[in-house]
Amino acid sequence: MRITLDLDKKLVDEAMKWTGESTETSLINEALKEIIKNRKRLRLIEMAGKVKL
């Protein structure tokens, strides 16, 4: 999917250094995966002690 974004160049450059990603597209895709993974983990933590087996 094509999309136009106005990103902070300093943030993109720093993120690319930390992640080792070589393109902005791969950086954004990796960031989206991390957001999803973290939100799922937080949801599981919130459910701790609330689920009865």
Foldseek 3Di string as FASTA:
>chain_A
DDDDDDDDPVVQVVQCVVPVDDDSVVSVVVVVVVVVVVVVVVVVVVCVPVDDD
